[in-house]
């Protein structure tokens, strides 16, 4: 059973079948949907990582601004893929920073 505001209490197993229900699942990322957030309050580049402690474990966290008409599912999927890349050691924000610094030094030298 799950409670979803606006829909009420739903029986997931009855709606989607027993294979849609897991007894346990590892939690890797918390996606916090922030409505009406000021853009200056949110991380823009993504160089810093944020965590939240749950049951003694540090879990990665990302805050996504949401507004009517935005593709929230797509944003969450991108956040999950980016988190997975970071766990494998690739950080696009760091790569961007390195490229920018290289471009700036190349322009100054040449």
PDB file of N, CA and C in Angstrom:
ATOM      1  N   UNK A   1       0.830  -1.181   0.000  1.00  0.00           N
ATOM      2  CA  UNK A   1       0.000   0.000   0.000  1.00  0.00           C
ATOM      3  C   UNK A   1       0.879   1.249   0.000  1.00  0.00           C
ATOM      4  N   UNK A   2       0.416   2.256  -0.683  1.00  0.00           N
ATOM      5  CA  UNK A   2       1.102   3.539  -0.729  1.00  0.00           C
ATOM      6  C   UNK A   2       0.059   4.642  -0.710  1.00  0.00           C
ATOM      7  N   UNK A   3       0.381   5.736  -0.029  1.00  0.00           N
ATOM      8  CA  UNK A   3      -0.531   6.878   0.006  1.00  0.00           C
ATOM      9  C   UNK A   3       0.055   7.969  -0.866  1.00  0.00           C
ATOM     10  N   UNK A   4      -0.726   8.427  -1.828  1.00  0.00           N
ATOM     11  CA  UNK A   4      -0.322   9.518  -2.711  1.00  0.00           C
ATOM     12  C   UNK A   4      -1.335  10.632  -2.551  1.00  0.00           C
ATOM     13  N   UNK A   5      -0.815  11.791  -2.155  1.00  0.00           N
ATOM     14  CA  UNK A   5      -1.725  12.919  -1.941  1.00  0.00           C
ATOM     15  C   UNK A   5      -2.470  13.232  -3.221  1.00  0.00           C
ATOM     16  N   UNK A   6      -3.760  13.378  -3.085  1.00  0.00           N
ATOM     17  CA  UNK A   6      -4.615  13.649  -4.229  1.00  0.00           C
ATOM     18  C   UNK A   6      -5.256  12.403  -4.796  1.00  0.00           C
ATOM     19  N   UNK A   7      -4.609  11.231  -4.609  1.00  0.00           N
ATOM     20  CA  UNK A   7      -5.171   9.967  -5.089  1.00  0.00           C
ATOM     21  C   UNK A   7      -5.685   9.097  -3.960  1.00  0.00           C
ATOM     22  N   UNK A   8      -5.060   9.214  -2.798  1.00  0.00           N
ATOM     23  CA  UNK A   8      -5.476   8.405  -1.663  1.00  0.00           C
ATOM     24  C   UNK A   8      -4.567   7.212  -1.465  1.00  0.00           C
ATOM     25  N   UNK A   9      -5.102   6.161  -0.856  1.00  0.00           N
ATOM     26  CA  UNK A   9      -4.338   4.948  -0.578  1.00  0.00           C
ATOM     27  C   UNK A   9      -4.518   3.984  -1.743  1.00  0.00           C
ATOM     28  N   UNK A  10      -3.378   3.544  -2.290  1.00  0.00           N
ATOM     29  CA  UNK A  10      -3.385   2.656  -3.458  1.00  0.00           C
ATOM     30  C   UNK A  10      -2.714   1.335  -3.104  1.00  0.00           C
ATOM     31  N   UNK A  11      -3.238   0.256  -3.657  1.00  0.00           N
ATOM     32  CA  UNK A  11      -2.635  -1.058  -3.516  1.00  0.00           C
ATOM     33  C   UNK A  11      -1.817  -1.322  -4.780  1.00  0.00           C
ATOM     34  N   UNK A  12      -0.510  -1.164  -4.688  1.00  0.00           N
ATOM     35  CA  UNK A  12       0.377  -1.276  -5.847  1.00  0.00           C
ATOM     36  C   UNK A  12       0.340  -2.684  -6.421  1.00  0.00           C
ATOM     37  N   UNK A  13       0.321  -3.690  -5.564  1.00  0.00           N
ATOM     38  CA  UNK A  13       0.302  -5.075  -6.041  1.00  0.00           C
ATOM     39  C   UNK A  13      -0.957  -5.349  -6.849  1.00  0.00           C
ATOM     40  N   UNK A  14      -2.093  -4.808  -6.421  1.00  0.00           N
ATOM     41  CA  UNK A  14      -3.337  -5.024  -7.155  1.00  0.00           C
ATOM     42  C   UNK A  14      -3.346  -4.242  -8.471  1.00  0.00           C
ATOM     43  N   UNK A  15      -2.739  -3.072  -8.480  1.00  0.00           N
ATOM     44  CA  UNK A  15      -2.724  -2.242  -9.685  1.00  0.00           C
ATOM     45  C   UNK A  15      -1.745  -2.748 -10.742  1.00  0.00           C
ATOM     46  N   UNK A  16      -0.526  -3.115 -10.318  1.00  0.00           N
ATOM     47  CA  UNK A  16       0.537  -3.437 -11.270  1.00  0.00           C
ATOM     48  C   UNK A  16       1.016  -4.884 -11.207  1.00  0.00           C
ATOM     49  N   UNK A  17       0.484  -5.665 -10.297  1.00  0.00           N
ATOM     50  CA  UNK A  17       0.916  -7.049 -10.169  1.00  0.00           C
ATOM     51  C   UNK A  17       1.937  -7.206  -9.061  1.00  0.00           C
ATOM     52  N   UNK A  18       2.051  -8.413  -8.571  1.00  0.00           N
ATOM     53  CA  UNK A  18       2.921  -8.696  -7.434  1.00  0.00           C
ATOM     54  C   UNK A  18       4.394  -8.472  -7.788  1.00  0.00           C
ATOM     55  N   UNK A  19       4.760  -8.556  -9.064  1.00  0.00           N
ATOM     56  CA  UNK A  19       6.159  -8.354  -9.458  1.00  0.00           C
ATOM     57  C   UNK A  19       6.585  -6.887  -9.325  1.00  0.00           C
ATOM     58  N   UNK A  20       5.636  -5.986  -9.151  1.00  0.00           N
ATOM     59  CA  UNK A  20       5.950  -4.567  -8.996  1.00  0.00           C
ATOM     60  C   UNK A  20       6.300  -4.216  -7.554  1.00  0.00           C
ATOM     61  N   UNK A  21       6.204  -5.182  -6.644  1.00  0.00           N
ATOM     62  CA  UNK A  21       6.451  -4.934  -5.223  1.00  0.00           C
ATOM     63  C   UNK A  21       7.744  -5.624  -4.809  1.00  0.00           C
ATOM     64  N   UNK A  22       8.598  -4.880  -4.102  1.00  0.00           N
ATOM     65  CA  UNK A  22       9.848  -5.442  -3.581  1.00  0.00           C
ATOM     66  C   UNK A  22       9.802  -5.414  -2.060  1.00  0.00           C
ATOM     67  N   UNK A  23      10.387  -6.404  -1.452  1.00  0.00           N
ATOM     68  CA  UNK A  23      10.455  -6.435   0.003  1.00  0.00           C
ATOM     69  C   UNK A  23      11.555  -5.521   0.522  1.00  0.00           C
ATOM     70  N   UNK A  24      12.609  -5.356  -0.264  1.00  0.00           N
ATOM     71  CA  UNK A  24      13.683  -4.449   0.131  1.00  0.00           C
ATOM     72  C   UNK A  24      14.325  -3.866  -1.118  1.00  0.00           C
ATOM     73  N   UNK A  25      14.918  -2.685  -0.953  1.00  0.00           N
ATOM     74  CA  UNK A  25      15.576  -2.009  -2.069  1.00  0.00           C
ATOM     75  C   UNK A  25      16.618  -1.073  -1.501  1.00  0.00           C
ATOM     76  N   UNK A  26      17.774  -1.009  -2.135  1.00  0.00           N
ATOM     77  CA  UNK A  26      18.846  -0.112  -1.725  1.00  0.00           C
ATOM     78  C   UNK A  26      18.492   1.315  -2.164  1.00  0.00           C
ATOM     79  N   UNK A  27      18.702   2.274  -1.282  1.00  0.00           N
ATOM     80  CA  UNK A  27      18.436   3.677  -1.581  1.00  0.00           C
ATOM     81  C   UNK A  27      19.760   4.354  -1.898  1.00  0.00           C
ATOM     82  N   UNK A  28      19.896   4.887  -3.128  1.00  0.00           N
ATOM     83  CA  UNK A  28      21.138   5.514  -3.552  1.00  0.00           C
ATOM     84  C   UNK A  28      21.043   7.029  -3.647  1.00  0.00           C
ATOM     85  N   UNK A  29      19.870   7.541  -3.988  1.00  0.00           N
ATOM     86  CA  UNK A  29      19.737   8.964  -4.271  1.00  0.00           C
ATOM     87  C   UNK A  29      18.385   9.474  -3.795  1.00  0.00           C
ATOM     88  N   UNK A  30      18.411  10.645  -3.165  1.00  0.00           N
ATOM     89  CA  UNK A  30      17.186  11.328  -2.775  1.00  0.00           C
ATOM     90  C   UNK A  30      16.997  12.484  -3.737  1.00  0.00           C
ATOM     91  N   UNK A  31      15.874  12.522  -4.422  1.00  0.00           N
ATOM     92  CA  UNK A  31      15.542  13.623  -5.311  1.00  0.00           C
ATOM     93  C   UNK A  31      14.458  14.435  -4.621  1.00  0.00           C
ATOM     94  N   UNK A  32      14.819  15.642  -4.221  1.00  0.00           N
ATOM     95  CA  UNK A  32      13.873  16.524  -3.548  1.00  0.00           C
ATOM     96  C   UNK A  32      13.302  17.500  -4.571  1.00  0.00           C
ATOM     97  N   UNK A  33      11.996  17.450  -4.754  1.00  0.00           N
ATOM     98  CA  UNK A  33      11.324  18.348  -5.685  1.00  0.00           C
ATOM     99  C   UNK A  33      10.955  19.619  -4.938  1.00  0.00           C
ATOM    100  N   UNK A  34      11.491  20.746  -5.403  1.00  0.00           N
ATOM    101  CA  UNK A  34      11.306  22.024  -4.724  1.00  0.00           C
ATOM    102  C   UNK A  34      10.441  22.910  -5.605  1.00  0.00           C
ATOM    103  N   UNK A  35       9.277  23.259  -5.098  1.00  0.00           N
ATOM    104  CA  UNK A  35       8.357  24.092  -5.866  1.00  0.00           C
ATOM    105  C   UNK A  35       8.601  25.567  -5.562  1.00  0.00           C
ATOM    106  N   UNK A  36       8.671  26.359  -6.612  1.00  0.00           N
ATOM    107  CA  UNK A  36       8.826  27.793  -6.456  1.00  0.00           C
ATOM    108  C   UNK A  36      10.156  28.208  -5.855  1.00  0.00           C
ATOM    109  N   UNK A  37      11.189  27.407  -6.057  1.00  0.00           N
ATOM    110  CA  UNK A  37      12.497  27.730  -5.483  1.00  0.00           C
ATOM    111  C   UNK A  37      13.142  28.871  -6.257  1.00  0.00           C
ATOM    112  N   UNK A  38      13.830  29.715  -5.528  1.00  0.00           N
ATOM    113  CA  UNK A  38      14.614  30.765  -6.165  1.00  0.00           C
ATOM    114  C   UNK A  38      15.864  30.117  -6.755  1.00  0.00           C
ATOM    115  N   UNK A  39      16.177  30.457  -7.989  1.00  0.00           N
ATOM    116  CA  UNK A  39      17.307  29.803  -8.648  1.00  0.00           C
ATOM    117  C   UNK A  39      18.632  30.087  -7.954  1.00  0.00           C
ATOM    118  N   UNK A  40      18.748  31.224  -7.275  1.00  0.00           N
ATOM    119  CA  UNK A  40      20.011  31.504  -6.593  1.00  0.00           C
ATOM    120  C   UNK A  40      20.207  30.622  -5.360  1.00  0.00           C
ATOM    121  N   UNK A  41      19.156  29.977  -4.889  1.00  0.00           N
ATOM    122  CA  UNK A  41      19.258  29.091  -3.732  1.00  0.00           C
ATOM    123  C   UNK A  41      19.674  27.674  -4.112  1.00  0.00           C
ATOM    124  N   UNK A  42      19.665  27.356  -5.409  1.00  0.00           N
ATOM    125  CA  UNK A  42      19.936  25.994  -5.858  1.00  0.00           C
ATOM    126  C   UNK A  42      21.313  25.888  -6.498  1.00  0.00           C
ATOM    127  N   UNK A  43      21.863  24.691  -6.467  1.00  0.00           N
ATOM    128  CA  UNK A  43      23.146  24.401  -7.101  1.00  0.00           C
ATOM    129  C   UNK A  43      22.980  24.494  -8.615  1.00  0.00           C
ATOM    130  N   UNK A  44      23.864  25.239  -9.276  1.00  0.00           N
ATOM    131  CA  UNK A  44      23.742  25.419 -10.723  1.00  0.00           C
ATOM    132  C   UNK A  44      24.724  24.554 -11.496  1.00  0.00           C
ATOM    133  N   UNK A  45      25.965  24.490 -11.047  1.00  0.00           N
ATOM    134  CA  UNK A  45      26.992  23.793 -11.809  1.00  0.00           C
ATOM    135  C   UNK A  45      27.034  22.311 -11.453  1.00  0.00           C
ATOM    136  N   UNK A  46      26.822  21.988 -10.201  1.00  0.00           N
ATOM    137  CA  UNK A  46      26.842  20.594  -9.780  1.00  0.00           C
ATOM    138  C   UNK A  46      28.207  20.112  -9.340  1.00  0.00           C
ATOM    139  N   UNK A  47      29.120  21.033  -9.052  1.00  0.00           N
ATOM    140  CA  UNK A  47      30.455  20.627  -8.612  1.00  0.00           C
ATOM    141  C   UNK A  47      30.423  20.070  -7.192  1.00  0.00           C
ATOM    142  N   UNK A  48      29.527  20.576  -6.373  1.00  0.00           N
ATOM    143  CA  UNK A  48      29.424  20.109  -4.987  1.00  0.00           C
ATOM    144  C   UNK A  48      28.359  19.032  -4.879  1.00  0.00           C
ATOM    145  N   UNK A  49      28.651  18.031  -4.076  1.00  0.00           N
ATOM    146  CA  UNK A  49      27.656  16.987  -3.859  1.00  0.00           C
ATOM    147  C   UNK A  49      27.030  17.177  -2.483  1.00  0.00           C
ATOM    148  N   UNK A  50      25.762  16.845  -2.389  1.00  0.00           N
ATOM    149  CA  UNK A  50      25.017  17.000  -1.145  1.00  0.00           C
ATOM    150  C   UNK A  50      24.567  15.625  -0.685  1.00  0.00           C
ATOM    151  N   UNK A  51      24.526  15.423   0.615  1.00  0.00           N
ATOM    152  CA  UNK A  51      24.055  14.150   1.165  1.00  0.00           C
ATOM    153  C   UNK A  51      23.079  14.422   2.297  1.00  0.00           C
ATOM    154  N   UNK A  52      22.314  13.412   2.610  1.00  0.00           N
ATOM    155  CA  UNK A  52      21.424  13.440   3.760  1.00  0.00           C
ATOM    156  C   UNK A  52      21.603  12.105   4.484  1.00  0.00           C
ATOM    157  N   UNK A  53      21.599  12.177   5.799  1.00  0.00           N
ATOM    158  CA  UNK A  53      21.789  10.965   6.592  1.00  0.00           C
ATOM    159  C   UNK A  53      20.438  10.339   6.903  1.00  0.00           C
ATOM    160  N   UNK A  54      20.316   9.057   6.564  1.00  0.00           N
ATOM    161  CA  UNK A  54      19.105   8.284   6.852  1.00  0.00           C
ATOM    162  C   UNK A  54      19.537   6.969   7.470  1.00  0.00           C
ATOM    163  N   UNK A  55      19.065   6.728   8.675  1.00  0.00           N
ATOM    164  CA  UNK A  55      19.372   5.504   9.409  1.00  0.00           C
ATOM    165  C   UNK A  55      20.875   5.259   9.493  1.00  0.00           C
ATOM    166  N   UNK A  56      21.636   6.331   9.703  1.00  0.00           N
ATOM    167  CA  UNK A  56      23.076   6.210   9.866  1.00  0.00           C
ATOM    168  C   UNK A  56      23.870   6.139   8.574  1.00  0.00           C
ATOM    169  N   UNK A  57      23.211   6.170   7.431  1.00  0.00           N
ATOM    170  CA  UNK A  57      23.892   6.107   6.136  1.00  0.00           C
ATOM    171  C   UNK A  57      23.781   7.441   5.423  1.00  0.00           C
ATOM    172  N   UNK A  58      24.858   7.862   4.778  1.00  0.00           N
ATOM    173  CA  UNK A  58      24.817   9.086   3.984  1.00  0.00           C
ATOM    174  C   UNK A  58      24.323   8.736   2.578  1.00  0.00           C
ATOM    175  N   UNK A  59      23.237   9.381   2.189  1.00  0.00           N
ATOM    176  CA  UNK A  59      22.605   9.135   0.893  1.00  0.00           C
ATOM    177  C   UNK A  59      22.750  10.400   0.053  1.00  0.00           C
ATOM    178  N   UNK A  60      23.124  10.242  -1.219  1.00  0.00           N
ATOM    179  CA  UNK A  60      23.229  11.379  -2.116  1.00  0.00           C
ATOM    180  C   UNK A  60      21.881  12.073  -2.267  1.00  0.00           C
ATOM    181  N   UNK A  61      21.930  13.411  -2.407  1.00  0.00           N
ATOM    182  CA  UNK A  61      20.697  14.190  -2.494  1.00  0.00           C
ATOM    183  C   UNK A  61      20.852  15.260  -3.558  1.00  0.00           C
ATOM    184  N   UNK A  62      19.791  15.464  -4.318  1.00  0.00           N
ATOM    185  CA  UNK A  62      19.747  16.537  -5.300  1.00  0.00           C
ATOM    186  C   UNK A  62      18.391  17.228  -5.181  1.00  0.00           C
ATOM    187  N   UNK A  63      18.403  18.558  -5.263  1.00  0.00           N
ATOM    188  CA  UNK A  63      17.161  19.337  -5.212  1.00  0.00           C
ATOM    189  C   UNK A  63      16.850  19.826  -6.617  1.00  0.00           C
ATOM    190  N   UNK A  64      15.652  19.514  -7.102  1.00  0.00           N
ATOM    191  CA  UNK A  64      15.232  19.921  -8.440  1.00  0.00           C
ATOM    192  C   UNK A  64      14.085  20.918  -8.347  1.00  0.00           C
ATOM    193  N   UNK A  65      14.221  22.068  -9.002  1.00  0.00           N
ATOM    194  CA  UNK A  65      13.104  23.013  -9.019  1.00  0.00           C
ATOM    195  C   UNK A  65      12.017  22.501  -9.962  1.00  0.00           C
ATOM    196  N   UNK A  66      10.781  22.524  -9.513  1.00  0.00           N
ATOM    197  CA  UNK A  66       9.672  22.072 -10.356  1.00  0.00           C
ATOM    198  C   UNK A  66       8.654  23.194 -10.505  1.00  0.00           C
ATOM    199  N   UNK A  67       8.113  23.275 -11.671  1.00  0.00           N
ATOM    200  CA  UNK A  67       7.078  24.241 -12.000  1.00  0.00           C
ATOM    201  C   UNK A  67       6.085  23.534 -12.911  1.00  0.00           C
ATOM    202  N   UNK A  68       4.872  24.019 -12.992  1.00  0.00           N
ATOM    203  CA  UNK A  68       3.902  23.411 -13.904  1.00  0.00           C
ATOM    204  C   UNK A  68       4.421  23.405 -15.337  1.00  0.00           C
ATOM    205  N   UNK A  69       4.228  22.281 -15.998  1.00  0.00           N
ATOM    206  CA  UNK A  69       4.636  22.146 -17.388  1.00  0.00           C
ATOM    207  C   UNK A  69       6.020  21.576 -17.598  1.00  0.00           C
ATOM    208  N   UNK A  70       6.786  21.393 -16.534  1.00  0.00           N
ATOM    209  CA  UNK A  70       8.139  20.831 -16.678  1.00  0.00           C
ATOM    210  C   UNK A  70       8.069  19.312 -16.718  1.00  0.00           C
ATOM    211  N   UNK A  71       9.013  18.721 -17.411  1.00  0.00           N
ATOM    212  CA  UNK A  71       9.097  17.266 -17.524  1.00  0.00           C
ATOM    213  C   UNK A  71       9.811  16.717 -16.290  1.00  0.00           C
ATOM    214  N   UNK A  72       9.067  16.551 -15.214  1.00  0.00           N
ATOM    215  CA  UNK A  72       9.656  16.140 -13.942  1.00  0.00           C
ATOM    216  C   UNK A  72      10.269  14.742 -14.051  1.00  0.00           C
ATOM    217  N   UNK A  73       9.592  13.834 -14.739  1.00  0.00           N
ATOM    218  CA  UNK A  73      10.124  12.473 -14.878  1.00  0.00           C
ATOM    219  C   UNK A  73      11.462  12.493 -15.611  1.00  0.00           C
ATOM    220  N   UNK A  74      11.569  13.298 -16.640  1.00  0.00           N
ATOM    221  CA  UNK A  74      12.825  13.410 -17.379  1.00  0.00           C
ATOM    222  C   UNK A  74      13.936  13.999 -16.535  1.00  0.00           C
ATOM    223  N   UNK A  75      13.612  15.013 -15.719  1.00  0.00           N
ATOM    224  CA  UNK A  75      14.611  15.610 -14.831  1.00  0.00           C
ATOM    225  C   UNK A  75      15.108  14.604 -13.796  1.00  0.00           C
ATOM    226  N   UNK A  76      14.195  13.831 -13.233  1.00  0.00           N
ATOM    227  CA  UNK A  76      14.580  12.821 -12.246  1.00  0.00           C
ATOM    228  C   UNK A  76      15.459  11.754 -12.891  1.00  0.00           C
ATOM    229  N   UNK A  77      15.114  11.351 -14.117  1.00  0.00           N
ATOM    230  CA  UNK A  77      15.922  10.357 -14.825  1.00  0.00           C
ATOM    231  C   UNK A  77      17.331  10.889 -15.078  1.00  0.00           C
ATOM    232  N   UNK A  78      17.443  12.149 -15.485  1.00  0.00           N
ATOM    233  CA  UNK A  78      18.762  12.752 -15.696  1.00  0.00           C
ATOM    234  C   UNK A  78      19.554  12.831 -14.397  1.00  0.00           C
ATOM    235  N   UNK A  79      18.895  13.167 -13.306  1.00  0.00           N
ATOM    236  CA  UNK A  79      19.570  13.221 -12.005  1.00  0.00           C
ATOM    237  C   UNK A  79      20.102  11.843 -11.619  1.00  0.00           C
ATOM    238  N   UNK A  80      19.322  10.803 -11.874  1.00  0.00           N
ATOM    239  CA  UNK A  80      19.748   9.437 -11.536  1.00  0.00           C
ATOM    240  C   UNK A  80      20.919   8.992 -12.402  1.00  0.00           C
ATOM    241  N   UNK A  81      20.882   9.298 -13.689  1.00  0.00           N
ATOM    242  CA  UNK A  81      21.979   8.920 -14.580  1.00  0.00           C
ATOM    243  C   UNK A  81      23.246   9.675 -14.211  1.00  0.00           C
ATOM    244  N   UNK A  82      23.113  10.969 -13.918  1.00  0.00           N
ATOM    245  CA  UNK A  82      24.276  11.762 -13.513  1.00  0.00           C
ATOM    246  C   UNK A  82      24.871  11.233 -12.216  1.00  0.00           C
ATOM    247  N   UNK A  83      24.018  10.830 -11.263  1.00  0.00           N
ATOM    248  CA  UNK A  83      24.498  10.257 -10.007  1.00  0.00           C
ATOM    249  C   UNK A  83      25.265   8.960 -10.277  1.00  0.00           C
ATOM    250  N   UNK A  84      24.743   8.137 -11.164  1.00  0.00           N
ATOM    251  CA  UNK A  84      25.408   6.872 -11.499  1.00  0.00           C
ATOM    252  C   UNK A  84      26.782   7.137 -12.125  1.00  0.00           C
ATOM    253  N   UNK A  85      26.853   8.119 -13.023  1.00  0.00           N
ATOM    254  CA  UNK A  85      28.146   8.472 -13.620  1.00  0.00           C
ATOM    255  C   UNK A  85      29.138   8.925 -12.553  1.00  0.00           C
ATOM    256  N   UNK A  86      28.663   9.706 -11.585  1.00  0.00           N
ATOM    257  CA  UNK A  86      29.547  10.178 -10.514  1.00  0.00           C
ATOM    258  C   UNK A  86      30.069   9.016  -9.673  1.00  0.00           C
ATOM    259  N   UNK A  87      29.247   7.999  -9.450  1.00  0.00           N
ATOM    260  CA  UNK A  87      29.719   6.852  -8.665  1.00  0.00           C
ATOM    261  C   UNK A  87      30.806   6.092  -9.417  1.00  0.00           C
ATOM    262  N   UNK A  88      30.814   6.206 -10.754  1.00  0.00           N
ATOM    263  CA  UNK A  88      31.866   5.575 -11.559  1.00  0.00           C
ATOM    264  C   UNK A  88      33.062   6.497 -11.759  1.00  0.00           C
ATOM    265  N   UNK A  89      33.024   7.695 -11.130  1.00  0.00           N
ATOM    266  CA  UNK A  89      34.176   8.582 -11.170  1.00  0.00           C
ATOM    267  C   UNK A  89      34.122   9.694 -12.195  1.00  0.00           C
ATOM    268  N   UNK A  90      33.051   9.811 -12.963  1.00  0.00           N
ATOM    269  CA  UNK A  90      32.949  10.871 -13.968  1.00  0.00           C
ATOM    270  C   UNK A  90      32.070  11.998 -13.434  1.00  0.00           C
ATOM    271  N   UNK A  91      32.607  13.230 -13.447  1.00  0.00           N
ATOM    272  CA  UNK A  91      31.865  14.391 -12.983  1.00  0.00           C
ATOM    273  C   UNK A  91      31.914  15.443 -14.082  1.00  0.00           C
ATOM    274  N   UNK A  92      30.795  15.692 -14.735  1.00  0.00           N
ATOM    275  CA  UNK A  92      30.758  16.616 -15.861  1.00  0.00           C
ATOM    276  C   UNK A  92      31.074  18.044 -15.436  1.00  0.00           C
ATOM    277  N   UNK A  93      30.732  18.427 -14.202  1.00  0.00           N
ATOM    278  CA  UNK A  93      31.041  19.773 -13.720  1.00  0.00           C
ATOM    279  C   UNK A  93      32.547  19.972 -13.592  1.00  0.00           C
ATOM    280  N   UNK A  94      33.258  18.967 -13.119  1.00  0.00           N
ATOM    281  CA  UNK A  94      34.711  19.047 -13.006  1.00  0.00           C
ATOM    282  C   UNK A  94      35.337  19.100 -14.394  1.00  0.00           C
ATOM    283  N   UNK A  95      34.823  18.287 -15.312  1.00  0.00           N
ATOM    284  CA  UNK A  95      35.335  18.305 -16.689  1.00  0.00           C
ATOM    285  C   UNK A  95      35.119  19.681 -17.325  1.00  0.00           C
ATOM    286  N   UNK A  96      33.956  20.261 -17.127  1.00  0.00           N
ATOM    287  CA  UNK A  96      33.660  21.589 -17.655  1.00  0.00           C
ATOM    288  C   UNK A  96      34.631  22.620 -17.090  1.00  0.00           C
ATOM    289  N   UNK A  97      34.875  22.544 -15.792  1.00  0.00           N
ATOM    290  CA  UNK A  97      35.798  23.474 -15.139  1.00  0.00           C
ATOM    291  C   UNK A  97      37.206  23.337 -15.718  1.00  0.00           C
ATOM    292  N   UNK A  98      37.662  22.108 -15.919  1.00  0.00           N
ATOM    293  CA  UNK A  98      38.992  21.881 -16.482  1.00  0.00           C
ATOM    294  C   UNK A  98      39.091  22.414 -17.908  1.00  0.00           C
ATOM    295  N   UNK A  99      38.061  22.184 -18.705  1.00  0.00           N
ATOM    296  CA  UNK A  99      38.060  22.691 -20.080  1.00  0.00           C
ATOM    297  C   UNK A  99      38.074  24.219 -20.102  1.00  0.00           C
ATOM    298  N   UNK A 100      37.304  24.839 -19.230  1.00  0.00           N
ATOM    299  CA  UNK A 100      37.234  26.295 -19.167  1.00  0.00           C
ATOM    300  C   UNK A 100      38.585  26.884 -18.761  1.00  0.00           C
ATOM    301  N   UNK A 101      39.217  26.300 -17.748  1.00  0.00           N
ATOM    302  CA  UNK A 101      40.536  26.781 -17.328  1.00  0.00           C
ATOM    303  C   UNK A 101      41.571  26.613 -18.421  1.00  0.00           C
ATOM    304  N   UNK A 102      41.519  25.506 -19.143  1.00  0.00           N
ATOM    305  CA  UNK A 102      42.460  25.265 -20.242  1.00  0.00           C
ATOM    306  C   UNK A 102      42.244  26.296 -21.345  1.00  0.00           C
ATOM    307  N   UNK A 103      40.995  26.569 -21.679  1.00  0.00           N
ATOM    308  CA  UNK A 103      40.687  27.552 -22.705  1.00  0.00           C
ATOM    309  C   UNK A 103      41.170  28.938 -22.296  1.00  0.00           C
ATOM    310  N   UNK A 104      40.977  29.289 -21.037  1.00  0.00           N
ATOM    311  CA  UNK A 104      41.411  30.598 -20.558  1.00  0.00           C
ATOM    312  C   UNK A 104      42.933  30.733 -20.597  1.00  0.00           C
ATOM    313  N   UNK A 105      43.648  29.698 -20.200  1.00  0.00           N
ATOM    314  CA  UNK A 105      45.118  29.762 -20.232  1.00  0.00           C
ATOM    315  C   UNK A 105      45.628  29.746 -21.671  1.00  0.00           C
ATOM    316  N   UNK A 106      45.001  28.978 -22.562  1.00  0.00           N
ATOM    317  CA  UNK A 106      45.396  28.956 -23.971  1.00  0.00           C
ATOM    318  C   UNK A 106      45.199  30.320 -24.614  1.00  0.00           C
ATOM    319  N   UNK A 107      44.093  30.989 -24.289  1.00  0.00           N
ATOM    320  CA  UNK A 107      43.816  32.323 -24.840  1.00  0.00           C
ATOM    321  C   UNK A 107      44.814  33.361 -24.330  1.00  0.00           C
ATOM    322  N   UNK A 108      45.249  33.201 -23.075  1.00  0.00           N
ATOM    323  CA  UNK A 108      46.202  34.155 -22.514  1.00  0.00           C
ATOM    324  C   UNK A 108      47.605  33.954 -23.096  1.00  0.00           C
ATOM    325  N   UNK A 109      47.939  32.707 -23.398  1.00  0.00           N
ATOM    326  CA  UNK A 109      49.267  32.406 -23.923  1.00  0.00           C
ATOM    327  C   UNK A 109      49.373  32.656 -25.425  1.00  0.00           C
ATOM    328  N   UNK A 110      48.268  32.543 -26.100  1.00  0.00           N
ATOM    329  CA  UNK A 110      48.432  32.536 -27.502  1.00  0.00           C
ATOM    330  C   UNK A 110      47.736  33.396 -28.377  1.00  0.00           C
TER     331      UNK A 110
END
